[in-house]
All heavy atoms as atom14 arrays in JSON, in Angstrom:
{
  "sequence": "RRQPVSSPRRRMCMSMEKCCWIWCSRLRGLALKMVVYLVTLITSL",
  "atom14_mask": [
    [1, 1, 1, 1, 1, 1, 1, 1, 1, 1, 1, 0, 0, 0],
    [1, 1, 1, 1, 1, 1, 1, 1, 1, 1, 1, 0, 0, 0],
    [1, 1, 1, 1, 1, 1, 1, 1, 1, 0, 0, 0, 0, 0],
    [1, 1, 1, 1, 1, 1, 1, 0, 0, 0, 0, 0, 0, 0],
    [1, 1, 1, 1, 1, 1, 1, 0, 0, 0, 0, 0, 0, 0],
    [1, 1, 1, 1, 1, 1, 0, 0, 0, 0, 0, 0, 0, 0],
    [1, 1, 1, 1, 1, 1, 0, 0, 0, 0, 0, 0, 0, 0],
    [1, 1, 1, 1, 1, 1, 1, 0, 0, 0, 0, 0, 0, 0],
    [1, 1, 1, 1, 1, 1, 1, 1, 1, 1, 1, 0, 0, 0],
    [1, 1, 1, 1, 1, 1, 1, 1, 1, 1, 1, 0, 0, 0],
    [1, 1, 1, 1, 1, 1, 1, 1, 1, 1, 1, 0, 0, 0],
    [1, 1, 1, 1, 1, 1, 1, 1, 0, 0, 0, 0, 0, 0],
    [1, 1, 1, 1, 1, 1, 0, 0, 0, 0, 0, 0, 0, 0],
    [1, 1, 1, 1, 1, 1, 1, 1, 0, 0, 0, 0, 0, 0],
    [1, 1, 1, 1, 1, 1, 0, 0, 0, 0, 0, 0, 0, 0],
    [1, 1, 1, 1, 1, 1, 1, 1, 0, 0, 0, 0, 0, 0],
    [1, 1, 1, 1, 1, 1, 1, 1, 1, 0, 0, 0, 0, 0],
    [1, 1, 1, 1, 1, 1, 1, 1, 1, 0, 0, 0, 0, 0],
    [1, 1, 1, 1, 1, 1, 0, 0, 0, 0, 0, 0, 0, 0],
    [1, 1, 1, 1, 1, 1, 0, 0, 0, 0, 0, 0, 0, 0],
    [1, 1, 1, 1, 1, 1, 1, 1, 1, 1, 1, 1, 1, 1],
    [1, 1, 1, 1, 1, 1, 1, 1, 0, 0, 0, 0, 0, 0],
    [1, 1, 1, 1, 1, 1, 1, 1, 1, 1, 1, 1, 1, 1],
    [1, 1, 1, 1, 1, 1, 0, 0, 0, 0, 0, 0, 0, 0],
    [1, 1, 1, 1, 1, 1, 0, 0, 0, 0, 0, 0, 0, 0],
    [1, 1, 1, 1, 1, 1, 1, 1, 1, 1, 1, 0, 0, 0],
    [1, 1, 1, 1, 1, 1, 1, 1, 0, 0, 0, 0, 0, 0],
    [1, 1, 1, 1, 1, 1, 1, 1, 1, 1, 1, 0, 0, 0],
    [1, 1, 1, 1, 0, 0, 0, 0, 0, 0, 0, 0, 0, 0],
    [1, 1, 1, 1, 1, 1, 1, 1, 0, 0, 0, 0, 0, 0],
    [1, 1, 1, 1, 1, 0, 0, 0, 0, 0, 0, 0, 0, 0],
    [1, 1, 1, 1, 1, 1, 1, 1, 0, 0, 0, 0, 0, 0],
    [1, 1, 1, 1, 1, 1, 1, 1, 1, 0, 0, 0, 0, 0],
    [1, 1, 1, 1, 1, 1, 1, 1, 0, 0, 0, 0, 0, 0],
    [1, 1, 1, 1, 1, 1, 1, 0, 0, 0, 0, 0, 0, 0],
    [1, 1, 1, 1, 1, 1, 1, 0, 0, 0, 0, 0, 0, 0],
    [1, 1, 1, 1, 1, 1, 1, 1, 1, 1, 1, 1, 0, 0],
    [1, 1, 1, 1, 1, 1, 1, 1, 0, 0, 0, 0, 0, 0],
    [1, 1, 1, 1, 1, 1, 1, 0, 0, 0, 0, 0, 0, 0],
    [1, 1, 1, 1, 1, 1, 1, 0, 0, 0, 0, 0, 0, 0],
    [1, 1, 1, 1, 1, 1, 1, 1, 0, 0, 0, 0, 0, 0],
    [1, 1, 1, 1, 1, 1, 1, 1, 0, 0, 0, 0, 0, 0],
    [1, 1, 1, 1, 1, 1, 1, 0, 0, 0, 0, 0, 0, 0],
    [1, 1, 1, 1, 1, 1, 0, 0, 0, 0, 0, 0, 0, 0],
    [1, 1, 1, 1, 1, 1, 1, 1, 0, 0, 0, 0, 0, 0]
  ],
  "atom14_positions": [
    [[-8.87, 0.03, 7.87], [-9.19, 0.27, 9.27], [-8.43, 1.47, 9.84], [-8.62, 1.83, 10.99], [-8.86, -0.97, 10.1], [-9.74, -2.19, 9.75], [-9.5, -3.31, 10.75], [-10.2, -4.52, 10.34], [-9.59, -5.61, 9.88], [-8.27, -5.62, 9.76], [-10.29, -6.66, 9.54], [0.0, 0.0, 0.0], [0.0, 0.0, 0.0], [0.0, 0.0, 0.0]],
    [[-7.56, 2.07, 9.03], [-6.78, 3.2, 9.52], [-7.68, 4.41, 9.77], [-8.81, 4.49, 9.29], [-5.68, 3.57, 8.53], [-4.59, 2.49, 8.43], [-3.5, 2.93, 7.47], [-2.76, 4.06, 8.0], [-1.73, 3.94, 8.82], [-1.32, 2.76, 9.2], [-1.09, 5.01, 9.25], [0.0, 0.0, 0.0], [0.0, 0.0, 0.0], [0.0, 0.0, 0.0]],
    [[-7.17, 5.38, 10.5], [-7.93, 6.58, 10.8], [-8.22, 7.36, 9.52], [-7.51, 7.24, 8.53], [-7.14, 7.46, 11.76], [-6.98, 6.84, 13.15], [-8.33, 6.6, 13.81], [-9.17, 7.49, 13.81], [-8.53, 5.41, 14.36], [0.0, 0.0, 0.0], [0.0, 0.0, 0.0], [0.0, 0.0, 0.0], [0.0, 0.0, 0.0], [0.0, 0.0, 0.0]],
    [[-9.27, 8.19, 9.51], [-9.58, 8.98, 8.32], [-8.39, 9.82, 7.89], [-7.62, 10.31, 8.71], [-10.74, 9.88, 8.8], [-11.36, 9.12, 9.91], [-10.23, 8.39, 10.6], [0.0, 0.0, 0.0], [0.0, 0.0, 0.0], [0.0, 0.0, 0.0], [0.0, 0.0, 0.0], [0.0, 0.0, 0.0], [0.0, 0.0, 0.0], [0.0, 0.0, 0.0]],
    [[-8.28, 9.97, 6.58], [-7.16, 10.71, 6.02], [-7.26, 12.18, 6.39], [-8.32, 12.78, 6.35], [-7.18, 10.57, 4.48], [-6.09, 11.41, 3.87], [-6.99, 9.1, 4.11], [0.0, 0.0, 0.0], [0.0, 0.0, 0.0], [0.0, 0.0, 0.0], [0.0, 0.0, 0.0], [0.0, 0.0, 0.0], [0.0, 0.0, 0.0], [0.0, 0.0, 0.0]],
    [[-6.14, 12.8, 6.76], [-6.18, 14.18, 7.19], [-5.1, 15.04, 6.59], [-4.89, 16.15, 7.02], [-6.07, 14.23, 8.72], [-4.85, 13.67, 9.15], [0.0, 0.0, 0.0], [0.0, 0.0, 0.0], [0.0, 0.0, 0.0], [0.0, 0.0, 0.0], [0.0, 0.0, 0.0], [0.0, 0.0, 0.0], [0.0, 0.0, 0.0], [0.0, 0.0, 0.0]],
    [[-4.38, 14.55, 5.58], [-3.38, 15.36, 4.92], [-3.01, 14.75, 3.6], [-3.32, 13.59, 3.35], [-2.12, 15.46, 5.79], [-1.39, 14.26, 5.71], [0.0, 0.0, 0.0], [0.0, 0.0, 0.0], [0.0, 0.0, 0.0], [0.0, 0.0, 0.0], [0.0, 0.0, 0.0], [0.0, 0.0, 0.0], [0.0, 0.0, 0.0], [0.0, 0.0, 0.0]],
    [[-2.35, 15.52, 2.72], [-1.93, 14.95, 1.45], [-1.04, 13.73, 1.62], [-1.18, 12.75, 0.9], [-1.18, 16.1, 0.78], [-1.7, 17.33, 1.42], [-2.03, 16.94, 2.83], [0.0, 0.0, 0.0], [0.0, 0.0, 0.0], [0.0, 0.0, 0.0], [0.0, 0.0, 0.0], [0.0, 0.0, 0.0], [0.0, 0.0, 0.0], [0.0, 0.0, 0.0]],
    [[-0.13, 13.77, 2.59], [0.76, 12.62, 2.77], [0.0, 11.42, 3.31], [0.28, 10.28, 2.95], [1.91, 13.0, 3.71], [2.87, 14.01, 3.09], [3.95, 14.42, 4.08], [4.82, 13.31, 4.42], [5.92, 12.98, 3.74], [6.23, 13.66, 2.66], [6.68, 11.98, 4.13], [0.0, 0.0, 0.0], [0.0, 0.0, 0.0], [0.0, 0.0, 0.0]],
    [[-1.0, 11.66, 4.16], [-1.79, 10.53, 4.63], [-2.69, 10.0, 3.53], [-2.98, 8.82, 3.48], [-2.63, 10.94, 5.84], [-1.79, 11.16, 7.1], [-2.64, 11.12, 8.34], [-1.83, 11.34, 9.5], [-2.13, 10.89, 10.71], [-3.21, 10.18, 10.87], [-1.36, 11.14, 11.73], [0.0, 0.0, 0.0], [0.0, 0.0, 0.0], [0.0, 0.0, 0.0]],
    [[-3.16, 10.9, 2.67], [-3.98, 10.42, 1.55], [-3.2, 9.45, 0.69], [-3.77, 8.61, 0.0], [-4.49, 11.59, 0.71], [-5.74, 12.23, 1.28], [-6.52, 12.94, 0.19], [-5.73, 13.95, -0.47], [-5.55, 15.17, -0.01], [-6.09, 15.51, 1.13], [-4.84, 16.05, -0.69], [0.0, 0.0, 0.0], [0.0, 0.0, 0.0], [0.0, 0.0, 0.0]],
    [[-1.87, 9.54, 0.7], [-1.06, 8.63, -0.06], [-1.27, 7.19, 0.42], [-1.15, 6.24, -0.35], [0.42, 8.99, 0.04], [1.29, 8.22, -0.95], [2.99, 8.78, -0.99], [3.62, 8.04, 0.5], [0.0, 0.0, 0.0], [0.0, 0.0, 0.0], [0.0, 0.0, 0.0], [0.0, 0.0, 0.0], [0.0, 0.0, 0.0], [0.0, 0.0, 0.0]],
    [[-1.63, 7.02, 1.69], [-1.89, 5.67, 2.22], [-3.02, 5.03, 1.43], [-2.96, 3.86, 1.06], [-2.26, 5.73, 3.69], [-0.94, 6.36, 4.75], [0.0, 0.0, 0.0], [0.0, 0.0, 0.0], [0.0, 0.0, 0.0], [0.0, 0.0, 0.0], [0.0, 0.0, 0.0], [0.0, 0.0, 0.0], [0.0, 0.0, 0.0], [0.0, 0.0, 0.0]],
    [[-4.1, 5.81, 1.17], [-5.24, 5.26, 0.44], [-4.85, 4.96, -0.99], [-5.29, 3.97, -1.57], [-6.41, 6.23, 0.5], [-6.93, 6.46, 1.91], [-8.42, 7.49, 1.94], [-9.6, 6.4, 1.19], [0.0, 0.0, 0.0], [0.0, 0.0, 0.0], [0.0, 0.0, 0.0], [0.0, 0.0, 0.0], [0.0, 0.0, 0.0], [0.0, 0.0, 0.0]],
    [[-4.02, 5.82, -1.58], [-3.57, 5.57, -2.94], [-2.72, 4.31, -2.99], [-2.83, 3.51, -3.91], [-2.75, 6.76, -3.45], [-3.54, 7.91, -3.49], [0.0, 0.0, 0.0], [0.0, 0.0, 0.0], [0.0, 0.0, 0.0], [0.0, 0.0, 0.0], [0.0, 0.0, 0.0], [0.0, 0.0, 0.0], [0.0, 0.0, 0.0], [0.0, 0.0, 0.0]],
    [[-1.87, 4.11, -1.97], [-1.04, 2.92, -1.95], [-1.88, 1.68, -1.7], [-1.56, 0.6, -2.16], [0.03, 3.06, -0.87], [1.08, 4.11, -1.19], [1.85, 3.85, -2.81], [2.62, 2.25, -2.54], [0.0, 0.0, 0.0], [0.0, 0.0, 0.0], [0.0, 0.0, 0.0], [0.0, 0.0, 0.0], [0.0, 0.0, 0.0], [0.0, 0.0, 0.0]],
    [[-3.01, 1.84, -0.98], [-3.92, 0.7, -0.8], [-4.43, 0.25, -2.16], [-4.42, -0.94, -2.48], [-5.1, 1.09, 0.08], [-6.17, 0.01, 0.15], [-7.47, 0.52, 0.74], [-7.51, 1.64, 1.22], [-8.44, -0.24, 0.69], [0.0, 0.0, 0.0], [0.0, 0.0, 0.0], [0.0, 0.0, 0.0], [0.0, 0.0, 0.0], [0.0, 0.0, 0.0]],
    [[-4.86, 1.21, -2.97], [-5.36, 0.87, -4.31], [-4.26, 0.26, -5.15], [-4.46, -0.75, -5.83], [-5.91, 2.13, -4.99], [-6.32, 1.87, -6.44], [-6.84, 3.12, -7.08], [-6.86, 2.99, -8.58], [-7.48, 1.76, -9.05], [0.0, 0.0, 0.0], [0.0, 0.0, 0.0], [0.0, 0.0, 0.0], [0.0, 0.0, 0.0], [0.0, 0.0, 0.0]],
    [[-3.08, 0.88, -5.11], [-1.93, 0.37, -5.85], [-1.65, -1.07, -5.44], [-1.41, -1.92, -6.28], [-0.7, 1.23, -5.57], [-0.16, 2.17, -6.99], [0.0, 0.0, 0.0], [0.0, 0.0, 0.0], [0.0, 0.0, 0.0], [0.0, 0.0, 0.0], [0.0, 0.0, 0.0], [0.0, 0.0, 0.0], [0.0, 0.0, 0.0], [0.0, 0.0, 0.0]],
    [[-1.65, -1.3, -4.13], [-1.35, -2.64, -3.62], [-2.35, -3.66, -4.16], [-1.98, -4.71, -4.65], [-1.39, -2.62, -2.1], [-1.26, -4.25, -1.34], [0.0, 0.0, 0.0], [0.0, 0.0, 0.0], [0.0, 0.0, 0.0], [0.0, 0.0, 0.0], [0.0, 0.0, 0.0], [0.0, 0.0, 0.0], [0.0, 0.0, 0.0], [0.0, 0.0, 0.0]],
    [[-3.64, -3.31, -4.09], [-4.66, -4.28, -4.51], [-4.55, -4.58, -5.99], [-4.58, -5.74, -6.4], [-6.05, -3.73, -4.19], [-7.09, -4.78, -4.52], [-7.81, -4.91, -5.63], [-7.44, -5.87, -3.68], [-8.6, -6.01, -5.57], [-8.39, -6.62, -4.38], [-7.03, -6.3, -2.43], [-8.96, -7.78, -3.85], [-7.6, -7.43, -1.91], [-8.55, -8.15, -2.61]],
    [[-4.42, -3.56, -6.81], [-4.36, -3.76, -8.26], [-3.13, -4.57, -8.66], [-3.21, -5.55, -9.39], [-4.38, -2.42, -9.0], [-5.74, -1.75, -8.83], [-4.07, -2.6, -10.48], [-5.82, -0.35, -9.4], [0.0, 0.0, 0.0], [0.0, 0.0, 0.0], [0.0, 0.0, 0.0], [0.0, 0.0, 0.0], [0.0, 0.0, 0.0], [0.0, 0.0, 0.0]],
    [[-1.98, -4.14, -8.15], [-0.75, -4.78, -8.59], [-0.51, -6.11, -7.91], [0.03, -7.04, -8.51], [0.43, -3.83, -8.4], [0.36, -2.75, -9.42], [-0.13, -1.48, -9.26], [0.72, -2.84, -10.79], [-0.09, -0.78, -10.45], [0.44, -1.59, -11.4], [1.26, -3.85, -11.58], [0.68, -1.34, -12.73], [1.51, -3.6, -12.92], [1.21, -2.36, -13.48]],
    [[-0.88, -6.24, -6.64], [-0.69, -7.53, -5.97], [-1.53, -8.61, -6.62], [-1.15, -9.77, -6.63], [-1.03, -7.42, -4.49], [0.23, -6.59, -3.51], [0.0, 0.0, 0.0], [0.0, 0.0, 0.0], [0.0, 0.0, 0.0], [0.0, 0.0, 0.0], [0.0, 0.0, 0.0], [0.0, 0.0, 0.0], [0.0, 0.0, 0.0], [0.0, 0.0, 0.0]],
    [[-2.69, -8.23, -7.16], [-3.55, -9.21, -7.81], [-2.92, -9.72, -9.09], [-3.31, -10.75, -9.61], [-4.92, -8.6, -8.1], [-4.83, -7.59, -9.07], [0.0, 0.0, 0.0], [0.0, 0.0, 0.0], [0.0, 0.0, 0.0], [0.0, 0.0, 0.0], [0.0, 0.0, 0.0], [0.0, 0.0, 0.0], [0.0, 0.0, 0.0], [0.0, 0.0, 0.0]],
    [[-1.93, -9.01, -9.62], [-1.31, -9.42, -10.88], [0.03, -10.13, -10.64], [0.54, -10.8, -11.52], [-1.05, -8.19, -11.77], [-2.3, -7.4, -12.08], [-1.96, -6.18, -12.92], [-3.09, -5.29, -13.03], [-3.04, -4.1, -13.61], [-1.93, -3.67, -14.14], [-4.12, -3.35, -13.68], [0.0, 0.0, 0.0], [0.0, 0.0, 0.0], [0.0, 0.0, 0.0]],
    [[0.64, -9.93, -9.5], [2.0, -10.43, -9.28], [1.98, -11.52, -8.22], [1.17, -11.52, -7.32], [2.92, -9.28, -8.84], [2.94, -8.05, -9.73], [3.79, -6.97, -9.1], [3.47, -8.4, -11.11], [0.0, 0.0, 0.0], [0.0, 0.0, 0.0], [0.0, 0.0, 0.0], [0.0, 0.0, 0.0], [0.0, 0.0, 0.0], [0.0, 0.0, 0.0]],
    [[2.91, -12.44, -8.32], [3.01, -13.51, -7.36], [4.46, -13.76, -6.98], [5.38, -13.19, -7.55], [2.39, -14.81, -7.92], [0.86, -14.76, -8.07], [0.19, -14.55, -6.73], [-1.24, -14.53, -6.82], [-1.94, -13.42, -6.96], [-1.34, -12.26, -7.08], [-3.26, -13.47, -7.02], [0.0, 0.0, 0.0], [0.0, 0.0, 0.0], [0.0, 0.0, 0.0]],
    [[4.67, -14.7, -6.03], [6.02, -15.08, -5.66], [6.8, -13.95, -5.03], [6.28, -13.19, -4.21], [0.0, 0.0, 0.0], [0.0, 0.0, 0.0], [0.0, 0.0, 0.0], [0.0, 0.0, 0.0], [0.0, 0.0, 0.0], [0.0, 0.0, 0.0], [0.0, 0.0, 0.0], [0.0, 0.0, 0.0], [0.0, 0.0, 0.0], [0.0, 0.0, 0.0]],
    [[8.04, -13.82, -5.42], [8.93, -12.82, -4.85], [8.41, -11.41, -5.09], [8.53, -10.54, -4.24], [10.33, -12.97, -5.45], [11.39, -11.96, -4.97], [11.59, -12.09, -3.47], [12.7, -12.18, -5.72], [0.0, 0.0, 0.0], [0.0, 0.0, 0.0], [0.0, 0.0, 0.0], [0.0, 0.0, 0.0], [0.0, 0.0, 0.0], [0.0, 0.0, 0.0]],
    [[7.83, -11.19, -6.27], [7.31, -9.87, -6.6], [6.22, -9.47, -5.62], [6.18, -8.34, -5.13], [6.73, -9.87, -8.01], [0.0, 0.0, 0.0], [0.0, 0.0, 0.0], [0.0, 0.0, 0.0], [0.0, 0.0, 0.0], [0.0, 0.0, 0.0], [0.0, 0.0, 0.0], [0.0, 0.0, 0.0], [0.0, 0.0, 0.0], [0.0, 0.0, 0.0]],
    [[5.34, -10.39, -5.28], [4.25, -10.11, -4.33], [4.82, -9.73, -2.97], [4.39, -8.76, -2.34], [3.34, -11.32, -4.21], [2.21, -11.24, -3.19], [1.32, -10.05, -3.47], [1.42, -12.52, -3.19], [0.0, 0.0, 0.0], [0.0, 0.0, 0.0], [0.0, 0.0, 0.0], [0.0, 0.0, 0.0], [0.0, 0.0, 0.0], [0.0, 0.0, 0.0]],
    [[5.81, -10.49, -2.51], [6.39, -10.2, -1.21], [7.03, -8.81, -1.19], [6.95, -8.09, -0.21], [7.43, -11.27, -0.86], [6.83, -12.66, -0.66], [7.93, -13.68, -0.38], [7.35, -15.08, -0.25], [8.39, -16.09, -0.03], [0.0, 0.0, 0.0], [0.0, 0.0, 0.0], [0.0, 0.0, 0.0], [0.0, 0.0, 0.0], [0.0, 0.0, 0.0]],
    [[7.67, -8.42, -2.32], [8.32, -7.13, -2.39], [7.31, -6.01, -2.31], [7.48, -5.04, -1.56], [9.11, -7.02, -3.71], [9.87, -5.7, -3.86], [10.61, -5.56, -5.49], [11.65, -7.02, -5.48], [0.0, 0.0, 0.0], [0.0, 0.0, 0.0], [0.0, 0.0, 0.0], [0.0, 0.0, 0.0], [0.0, 0.0, 0.0], [0.0, 0.0, 0.0]],
    [[6.22, -6.12, -3.07], [5.2, -5.07, -3.07], [4.56, -4.93, -1.7], [4.42, -3.84, -1.16], [4.13, -5.37, -4.14], [2.98, -4.39, -4.03], [4.74, -5.31, -5.54], [0.0, 0.0, 0.0], [0.0, 0.0, 0.0], [0.0, 0.0, 0.0], [0.0, 0.0, 0.0], [0.0, 0.0, 0.0], [0.0, 0.0, 0.0], [0.0, 0.0, 0.0]],
    [[4.18, -6.04, -1.12], [3.52, -6.01, 0.19], [4.45, -5.42, 1.24], [4.04, -4.62, 2.09], [3.05, -7.42, 0.59], [2.57, -7.42, 2.03], [1.94, -7.89, -0.34], [0.0, 0.0, 0.0], [0.0, 0.0, 0.0], [0.0, 0.0, 0.0], [0.0, 0.0, 0.0], [0.0, 0.0, 0.0], [0.0, 0.0, 0.0], [0.0, 0.0, 0.0]],
    [[5.71, -5.8, 1.19], [6.67, -5.27, 2.16], [6.79, -3.76, 2.04], [6.75, -3.03, 3.03], [8.04, -5.91, 1.95], [9.15, -5.25, 2.75], [9.28, -5.49, 4.11], [10.03, -4.35, 2.15], [10.27, -4.87, 4.85], [11.02, -3.73, 2.88], [11.14, -3.99, 4.22], [12.1, -3.36, 4.94], [0.0, 0.0, 0.0], [0.0, 0.0, 0.0]],
    [[6.91, -3.26, 0.8], [7.06, -1.83, 0.6], [5.83, -1.06, 1.05], [5.92, -0.03, 1.72], [7.35, -1.53, -0.88], [8.75, -1.91, -1.37], [8.83, -1.78, -2.88], [9.8, -1.04, -0.71], [0.0, 0.0, 0.0], [0.0, 0.0, 0.0], [0.0, 0.0, 0.0], [0.0, 0.0, 0.0], [0.0, 0.0, 0.0], [0.0, 0.0, 0.0]],
    [[4.66, -1.55, 0.7], [3.42, -0.86, 1.07], [3.26, -0.86, 2.59], [2.89, 0.15, 3.2], [2.21, -1.53, 0.4], [0.92, -0.92, 0.94], [2.27, -1.34, -1.1], [0.0, 0.0, 0.0], [0.0, 0.0, 0.0], [0.0, 0.0, 0.0], [0.0, 0.0, 0.0], [0.0, 0.0, 0.0], [0.0, 0.0, 0.0], [0.0, 0.0, 0.0]],
    [[3.55, -1.98, 3.22], [3.44, -2.06, 4.67], [4.41, -1.09, 5.34], [4.06, -0.41, 6.31], [3.73, -3.49, 5.15], [2.85, -4.39, 4.48], [3.52, -3.61, 6.66], [0.0, 0.0, 0.0], [0.0, 0.0, 0.0], [0.0, 0.0, 0.0], [0.0, 0.0, 0.0], [0.0, 0.0, 0.0], [0.0, 0.0, 0.0], [0.0, 0.0, 0.0]],
    [[5.63, -1.02, 4.82], [6.62, -0.13, 5.38], [6.19, 1.33, 5.27], [6.25, 2.1, 6.23], [7.96, -0.34, 4.66], [9.12, 0.6, 5.07], [9.47, 0.36, 6.54], [10.32, 0.36, 4.19], [0.0, 0.0, 0.0], [0.0, 0.0, 0.0], [0.0, 0.0, 0.0], [0.0, 0.0, 0.0], [0.0, 0.0, 0.0], [0.0, 0.0, 0.0]],
    [[5.72, 1.72, 4.07], [5.35, 3.12, 3.82], [4.16, 3.52, 4.68], [4.15, 4.58, 5.31], [5.03, 3.32, 2.33], [6.32, 3.15, 1.5], [4.45, 4.72, 2.07], [6.06, 2.98, 0.03], [0.0, 0.0, 0.0], [0.0, 0.0, 0.0], [0.0, 0.0, 0.0], [0.0, 0.0, 0.0], [0.0, 0.0, 0.0], [0.0, 0.0, 0.0]],
    [[3.14, 2.68, 4.73], [1.92, 3.07, 5.44], [2.05, 2.96, 6.94], [1.14, 3.38, 7.67], [0.73, 2.22, 4.96], [1.06, 0.84, 5.13], [0.42, 2.52, 3.52], [0.0, 0.0, 0.0], [0.0, 0.0, 0.0], [0.0, 0.0, 0.0], [0.0, 0.0, 0.0], [0.0, 0.0, 0.0], [0.0, 0.0, 0.0], [0.0, 0.0, 0.0]],
    [[3.14, 2.38, 7.43], [3.35, 2.3, 8.87], [3.98, 3.57, 9.43], [4.07, 3.74, 10.64], [4.24, 1.11, 9.21], [5.54, 1.29, 8.68], [0.0, 0.0, 0.0], [0.0, 0.0, 0.0], [0.0, 0.0, 0.0], [0.0, 0.0, 0.0], [0.0, 0.0, 0.0], [0.0, 0.0, 0.0], [0.0, 0.0, 0.0], [0.0, 0.0, 0.0]],
    [[4.42, 4.46, 8.54], [5.05, 5.7, 8.99], [4.0, 6.65, 9.57], [2.82, 6.57, 9.24], [5.76, 6.38, 7.82], [6.88, 5.57, 7.14], [7.42, 6.34, 5.95], [8.0, 5.3, 8.13], [0.0, 0.0, 0.0], [0.0, 0.0, 0.0], [0.0, 0.0, 0.0], [0.0, 0.0, 0.0], [0.0, 0.0, 0.0], [0.0, 0.0, 0.0]]
  ]
}
């Protein structure tokens, strides 16, 4: 739902979305919380 990407650094948000989906689907428990926290932190900048 974020705004369209407009720079290389913003394009990283879309890459992290893909990263999040692929890796979160494989990890659970504490690992899942760590990944989600990091992705949320990075993409909120």
